[in-house]
Amino acid sequence: MAAPVQARGLIVFSLALVVTVALIVGYSSTADSAPCPASSPYSHYFSGRCSGCHTNDSITCNGCHEHGDRYLTAIPHKSSYAPGEEVIVNFYGGEEYGWVRGMLVDMTSTEVDRLTGPTLMGNDGGPQIEFPMELKGRAPGRAGNHTWTAKYFGNRDGSGHSDVDVPFTINVAATADVVVDVIPSTSPLFFPSSGGTLDCTVVMENTTASYVPFVAAIYVRTPSGLHYGPILGWVNITLPAGGVITPSLSIALPGSAPTGVYSLNVYVGDPATSTLIDADSFDFVKEP
């Protein structure tokens, strides 16, 4: 955790922030798999079933294999988590190789991770997504069992594309002294090529019976994986016993920002020990 900076003025319940995220980050691509051979009895599948939507994609066997929606399983990599700890979910399934999209949704129905191709559909000459995949999020700040969902999107036995939900349980061992939740105006969030304004609310709650001093910061993960920021913070805050603040946040996403999947990440930490208290995040998408 970076060293906190002194806050100027008081933290108030109606705090509103406007931050411009100017991100010029490229997306590295890799070679796609070999084309489906003309001798294959299924070589016509891509043109017959897929090319109407996948107009810019490579014609490959993996592009339209019957990856299917059966045998789907989502398994978190640990049996229990600390508040704000990174959660890695291994998502397995499918009958064959094939391009798919994977999403991770938390117990509040907020999308916290999305894996998709570089142009958000198929591969377009870049890295496509196949099973198995790793989806990532942040453990909730409150103790207990929380139902999350891994979502599949892809071919469903030749009958078109749609979501399939795979619920599973995240266990949190203890409640954080300060619980943070970041709530987007809608989920998932999509922005056109011209950009737009991301609106959300950050909720910070002292769950103890005494005053708690802490620091808070906001970072953005870009489509290339860069952890950009802090775009706000580290700000010193103190909450009384049971105290709650709900600052609103607006982020201007410029048209020059790269296409792809971003995430907004809010962290709260202990300034005395420089350790994480809790964290929360959600994804948003900049379309081509």
Protein backbone atom coordinates (compact mmCIF):
# COMPACT_ATOMS: atom_id res chain seq x y z
CA MET A 1 0.00 0.00 0.00
CA ALA A 2 1.40 3.40 -0.98
CA ALA A 3 2.08 5.95 1.73
CA PRO A 4 -1.08 7.91 2.59
CA VAL A 5 -1.32 11.62 1.91
CA GLN A 6 -2.90 14.18 4.21
CA ALA A 7 -6.56 14.82 3.44
CA ARG A 8 -7.57 18.43 2.90
CA GLY A 9 -10.78 19.43 4.62
CA LEU A 10 -13.45 17.17 6.02
CA ILE A 11 -14.94 14.03 4.55
CA VAL A 12 -18.65 14.74 4.15
CA PHE A 13 -21.56 12.48 3.33
CA SER A 14 -22.31 14.17 0.00
CA LEU A 15 -18.74 14.18 -1.27
CA ALA A 16 -18.70 14.28 -5.09
CA LEU A 17 -15.60 13.64 -7.14
CA VAL A 18 -14.86 14.10 -10.82
CA VAL A 19 -11.78 12.35 -12.14
CA THR A 20 -10.64 12.11 -15.75
CA VAL A 21 -9.00 8.85 -16.73
CA ALA A 22 -6.81 9.46 -19.78
CA LEU A 23 -5.44 6.06 -20.70
CA ILE A 24 -3.38 5.38 -23.79
CA VAL A 25 -2.56 1.70 -23.47
CA GLY A 26 -2.10 -0.79 -26.29
CA TYR A 27 -3.31 -4.37 -26.47
CA SER A 28 -0.77 -7.00 -27.47
CA SER A 29 -2.09 -9.74 -29.70
CA THR A 30 -0.96 -13.28 -30.34
CA ALA A 31 -1.22 -15.58 -33.32
CA ASP A 32 -4.47 -17.46 -33.66
CA SER A 33 -4.83 -21.20 -34.13
CA ALA A 34 -4.61 -22.77 -37.57
CA PRO A 35 -7.57 -22.46 -39.96
CA CYS A 36 -10.09 -25.26 -40.12
CA PRO A 37 -8.94 -27.53 -43.00
CA ALA A 38 -11.13 -27.56 -46.09
CA SER A 39 -11.15 -31.36 -45.91
CA SER A 40 -13.03 -31.25 -42.60
CA PRO A 41 -16.70 -32.24 -42.89
CA TYR A 42 -17.43 -29.22 -40.67
CA SER A 43 -15.37 -26.64 -42.59
CA HIS A 44 -18.56 -24.87 -43.67
CA TYR A 45 -19.79 -24.32 -40.09
CA PHE A 46 -18.07 -20.99 -39.55
CA SER A 47 -19.45 -19.41 -42.72
CA GLY A 48 -22.86 -21.02 -42.21
CA ARG A 49 -23.38 -20.42 -38.50
CA CYS A 50 -20.88 -17.85 -37.20
CA SER A 51 -19.72 -15.36 -39.82
CA GLY A 52 -22.92 -13.31 -39.72
CA CYS A 53 -21.88 -11.92 -36.32
CA HIS A 54 -18.15 -12.74 -36.26
CA THR A 55 -17.34 -10.65 -39.32
CA ASN A 56 -13.74 -9.84 -38.34
CA ASP A 57 -12.71 -13.18 -36.87
CA SER A 58 -10.32 -15.83 -38.08
CA ILE A 59 -11.97 -18.88 -39.64
CA THR A 60 -10.69 -21.59 -37.32
CA CYS A 61 -11.96 -24.83 -35.84
CA ASN A 62 -11.80 -23.26 -32.39
CA GLY A 63 -13.92 -20.38 -33.63
CA CYS A 64 -17.06 -22.49 -33.89
CA HIS A 65 -16.40 -25.82 -32.22
CA GLU A 66 -19.38 -27.08 -30.27
CA HIS A 67 -17.86 -25.88 -26.99
CA GLY A 68 -21.35 -26.05 -25.49
CA ASP A 69 -22.69 -25.16 -22.07
CA ARG A 70 -22.45 -28.58 -20.38
CA TYR A 71 -20.01 -29.74 -17.70
CA LEU A 72 -19.65 -26.20 -16.33
CA THR A 73 -18.00 -25.97 -12.90
CA ALA A 74 -16.73 -22.94 -10.93
CA ILE A 75 -14.27 -23.60 -8.09
CA PRO A 76 -12.67 -20.88 -5.89
CA HIS A 77 -8.97 -21.49 -5.23
CA LYS A 78 -9.34 -21.32 -1.42
CA SER A 79 -11.91 -22.59 1.06
CA SER A 80 -12.00 -19.31 3.02
CA TYR A 81 -10.88 -15.72 2.50
CA ALA A 82 -9.95 -12.63 4.47
CA PRO A 83 -11.96 -9.44 3.75
CA GLY A 84 -10.78 -7.83 0.52
CA GLU A 85 -8.49 -10.72 -0.38
CA GLU A 86 -8.20 -11.58 -4.08
CA VAL A 87 -10.47 -14.44 -5.09
CA ILE A 88 -9.44 -16.61 -8.04
CA VAL A 89 -12.17 -18.78 -9.53
CA ASN A 90 -11.27 -21.64 -11.87
CA PHE A 91 -14.05 -21.98 -14.44
CA TYR A 92 -14.14 -25.34 -16.24
CA GLY A 93 -16.45 -26.72 -18.89
CA GLY A 94 -17.29 -27.23 -22.51
CA GLU A 95 -17.20 -30.27 -24.76
CA GLU A 96 -14.62 -29.02 -27.25
CA TYR A 97 -12.28 -26.09 -27.63
CA GLY A 98 -14.06 -22.93 -28.68
CA TRP A 99 -14.25 -19.21 -28.14
CA VAL A 100 -16.29 -18.31 -25.07
CA ARG A 101 -16.88 -15.36 -22.78
CA GLY A 102 -16.66 -15.72 -19.01
CA MET A 103 -18.06 -13.32 -16.37
CA LEU A 104 -17.89 -13.29 -12.58
CA VAL A 105 -20.80 -11.78 -10.62
CA ASP A 106 -20.82 -11.19 -6.85
CA MET A 107 -23.68 -11.55 -4.35
CA THR A 108 -24.95 -8.02 -5.19
CA SER A 109 -25.38 -8.96 -8.90
CA THR A 110 -22.40 -6.74 -9.76
CA GLU A 111 -20.04 -7.95 -12.47
CA VAL A 112 -16.51 -8.04 -11.04
CA ASP A 113 -14.62 -9.73 -13.89
CA ARG A 114 -15.06 -10.40 -17.60
CA LEU A 115 -12.86 -12.41 -19.94
CA THR A 116 -13.48 -11.90 -23.63
CA GLY A 117 -11.60 -11.39 -26.90
CA PRO A 118 -9.69 -8.17 -27.67
CA THR A 119 -12.61 -6.74 -29.66
CA LEU A 120 -15.13 -8.10 -27.11
CA MET A 121 -16.31 -10.85 -29.48
CA GLY A 122 -14.37 -13.75 -31.00
CA ASN A 123 -10.67 -13.10 -31.54
CA ASP A 124 -10.11 -10.63 -34.42
CA GLY A 125 -6.53 -11.88 -34.77
CA GLY A 126 -5.84 -11.60 -31.04
CA PRO A 127 -6.10 -13.90 -28.00
CA GLN A 128 -9.43 -15.73 -27.79
CA ILE A 129 -10.83 -17.08 -24.51
CA GLU A 130 -11.25 -20.83 -24.03
CA PHE A 131 -11.91 -23.16 -21.11
CA PRO A 132 -10.49 -23.47 -18.53
CA MET A 133 -10.31 -19.82 -17.48
CA GLU A 134 -9.44 -17.84 -14.35
CA LEU A 135 -11.88 -15.22 -13.12
CA LYS A 136 -10.86 -12.83 -10.33
CA GLY A 137 -12.58 -10.65 -7.76
CA ARG A 138 -12.29 -9.37 -4.17
CA ALA A 139 -13.74 -11.18 -1.16
CA PRO A 140 -16.58 -9.33 0.60
CA GLY A 141 -15.86 -7.47 3.83
CA ARG A 142 -18.48 -9.28 5.88
CA ALA A 143 -18.12 -12.74 7.42
CA GLY A 144 -20.21 -15.63 6.17
CA ASN A 145 -21.06 -17.56 3.02
CA HIS A 146 -21.77 -15.46 -0.05
CA THR A 147 -23.26 -16.81 -3.28
CA TRP A 148 -21.36 -15.71 -6.38
CA THR A 149 -21.98 -16.71 -9.99
CA ALA A 150 -19.70 -17.64 -12.86
CA LYS A 151 -21.45 -16.89 -16.14
CA TYR A 152 -20.85 -18.61 -19.46
CA PHE A 153 -21.69 -16.94 -22.77
CA GLY A 154 -21.27 -18.84 -26.00
CA ASN A 155 -22.64 -21.43 -28.36
CA ARG A 156 -25.44 -23.55 -26.88
CA ASP A 157 -25.65 -26.67 -29.05
CA GLY A 158 -26.04 -24.71 -32.26
CA SER A 159 -29.14 -22.88 -30.99
CA GLY A 160 -27.47 -19.49 -30.56
CA HIS A 161 -25.59 -17.70 -27.78
CA SER A 162 -26.85 -16.88 -24.30
CA ASP A 163 -25.80 -16.80 -20.65
CA VAL A 164 -25.58 -19.85 -18.40
CA ASP A 165 -25.23 -19.23 -14.64
CA VAL A 166 -23.04 -21.41 -12.41
CA PRO A 167 -23.47 -20.43 -8.71
CA PHE A 168 -20.88 -21.22 -6.05
CA THR A 169 -20.02 -20.11 -2.50
CA ILE A 170 -17.37 -17.71 -1.22
CA ASN A 171 -16.66 -17.99 2.52
CA VAL A 172 -15.26 -15.02 4.45
CA ALA A 173 -13.79 -15.86 7.85
CA ALA A 174 -14.26 -12.51 9.66
CA THR A 175 -15.82 -9.08 9.18
CA ALA A 176 -13.45 -6.19 8.41
CA ASP A 177 -13.23 -3.23 10.80
CA VAL A 178 -14.11 -1.00 7.83
CA VAL A 179 -16.22 -2.55 5.07
CA VAL A 180 -16.09 -0.92 1.64
CA ASP A 181 -18.57 -1.48 -1.20
CA VAL A 182 -18.44 0.26 -4.58
CA ILE A 183 -21.80 0.26 -6.36
CA PRO A 184 -22.00 1.14 -10.08
CA SER A 185 -25.03 2.93 -11.50
CA THR A 186 -25.74 -0.22 -13.51
CA SER A 187 -23.99 -3.53 -14.08
CA PRO A 188 -22.46 -4.40 -16.40
CA LEU A 189 -21.45 -0.95 -17.64
CA PHE A 190 -20.80 -0.39 -21.35
CA PHE A 191 -19.40 2.76 -22.95
CA PRO A 192 -19.40 3.58 -26.69
CA SER A 193 -16.23 4.41 -28.63
CA SER A 194 -16.78 8.10 -27.84
CA GLY A 195 -16.45 7.41 -24.09
CA GLY A 196 -18.71 8.68 -21.35
CA THR A 197 -19.07 9.20 -17.60
CA LEU A 198 -18.97 6.37 -15.08
CA ASP A 199 -21.15 7.04 -12.02
CA CYS A 200 -21.00 5.00 -8.83
CA THR A 201 -21.31 5.21 -5.06
CA VAL A 202 -18.67 4.17 -2.54
CA VAL A 203 -20.01 2.96 0.82
CA MET A 204 -17.59 2.81 3.77
CA GLU A 205 -18.84 1.50 7.12
CA ASN A 206 -17.13 1.21 10.51
CA THR A 207 -18.31 -2.14 11.89
CA THR A 208 -16.64 -1.72 15.31
CA ALA A 209 -17.69 -0.09 18.59
CA SER A 210 -14.94 2.57 18.50
CA TYR A 211 -13.37 5.18 16.20
CA VAL A 212 -11.34 3.71 13.32
CA PRO A 213 -8.78 5.76 11.33
CA PHE A 214 -8.02 4.42 7.85
CA VAL A 215 -6.87 5.46 4.38
CA ALA A 216 -8.70 4.97 1.08
CA ALA A 217 -7.68 5.01 -2.57
CA ILE A 218 -9.13 4.25 -6.01
CA TYR A 219 -7.26 2.59 -8.88
CA VAL A 220 -8.30 1.53 -12.40
CA ARG A 221 -7.12 -1.66 -14.09
CA THR A 222 -6.82 -1.12 -17.84
CA PRO A 223 -7.48 -3.68 -20.61
CA SER A 224 -3.74 -4.40 -20.80
CA GLY A 225 -3.68 -5.28 -17.08
CA LEU A 226 -1.97 -2.07 -15.92
CA HIS A 227 -2.97 -0.99 -12.38
CA TYR A 228 -3.39 2.74 -13.04
CA GLY A 229 -3.43 5.28 -10.21
CA PRO A 230 -4.30 6.13 -7.64
CA ILE A 231 -6.80 8.34 -9.43
CA LEU A 232 -7.86 9.35 -5.92
CA GLY A 233 -6.01 8.86 -2.62
CA TRP A 234 -4.56 7.85 -0.38
CA VAL A 235 -7.02 9.92 1.71
CA ASN A 236 -7.07 9.90 5.53
CA ILE A 237 -10.53 9.20 6.99
CA THR A 238 -11.79 8.51 10.52
CA LEU A 239 -15.24 7.05 11.21
CA PRO A 240 -17.00 6.85 14.60
CA ALA A 241 -18.44 3.58 15.89
CA GLY A 242 -21.02 2.36 13.38
CA GLY A 243 -20.36 5.38 11.14
CA VAL A 244 -21.09 5.25 7.40
CA ILE A 245 -20.09 7.58 4.54
CA THR A 246 -21.39 7.30 0.98
CA PRO A 247 -19.37 9.53 -1.38
CA SER A 248 -20.51 9.67 -4.99
CA LEU A 249 -17.95 9.30 -7.75
CA SER A 250 -17.93 10.30 -11.42
CA ILE A 251 -15.15 9.24 -13.77
CA ALA A 252 -14.86 10.67 -17.28
CA LEU A 253 -13.73 7.97 -19.73
CA PRO A 254 -12.36 9.71 -22.84
CA GLY A 255 -12.88 8.50 -26.38
CA SER A 256 -9.11 8.00 -26.66
CA ALA A 257 -9.16 5.26 -24.02
CA PRO A 258 -8.47 1.81 -25.53
CA THR A 259 -11.22 -0.68 -26.27
CA GLY A 260 -11.61 -3.44 -23.71
CA VAL A 261 -12.52 -4.41 -20.16
CA TYR A 262 -11.55 -2.13 -17.25
CA SER A 263 -12.10 -2.47 -13.52
CA LEU A 264 -12.57 0.18 -10.84
CA ASN A 265 -10.89 -0.86 -7.57
CA VAL A 266 -11.43 0.76 -4.15
CA TYR A 267 -9.06 -0.08 -1.28
CA VAL A 268 -9.13 0.81 2.42
CA GLY A 269 -6.07 0.22 4.56
CA ASP A 270 -4.57 0.58 8.01
CA PRO A 271 -2.16 3.57 7.96
CA ALA A 272 -0.29 2.29 11.03
CA THR A 273 0.60 -1.09 9.55
CA SER A 274 0.20 -0.42 5.79
CA THR A 275 -2.04 -3.48 5.49
CA LEU A 276 -5.26 -3.95 3.56
CA ILE A 277 -8.51 -3.77 5.56
CA ASP A 278 -10.98 -4.36 2.74
CA ALA A 279 -11.40 -3.84 -1.02
CA ASP A 280 -14.12 -3.94 -3.66
CA SER A 281 -14.30 -3.59 -7.44
CA PHE A 282 -16.45 -3.82 -10.54
CA ASP A 283 -15.84 -4.09 -14.29
CA PHE A 284 -16.78 -1.72 -17.06
CA VAL A 285 -16.36 -2.08 -20.84
CA LYS A 286 -15.21 0.41 -23.51
CA GLU A 287 -16.64 -0.74 -26.84
CA PRO A 288 -14.89 -0.40 -30.24
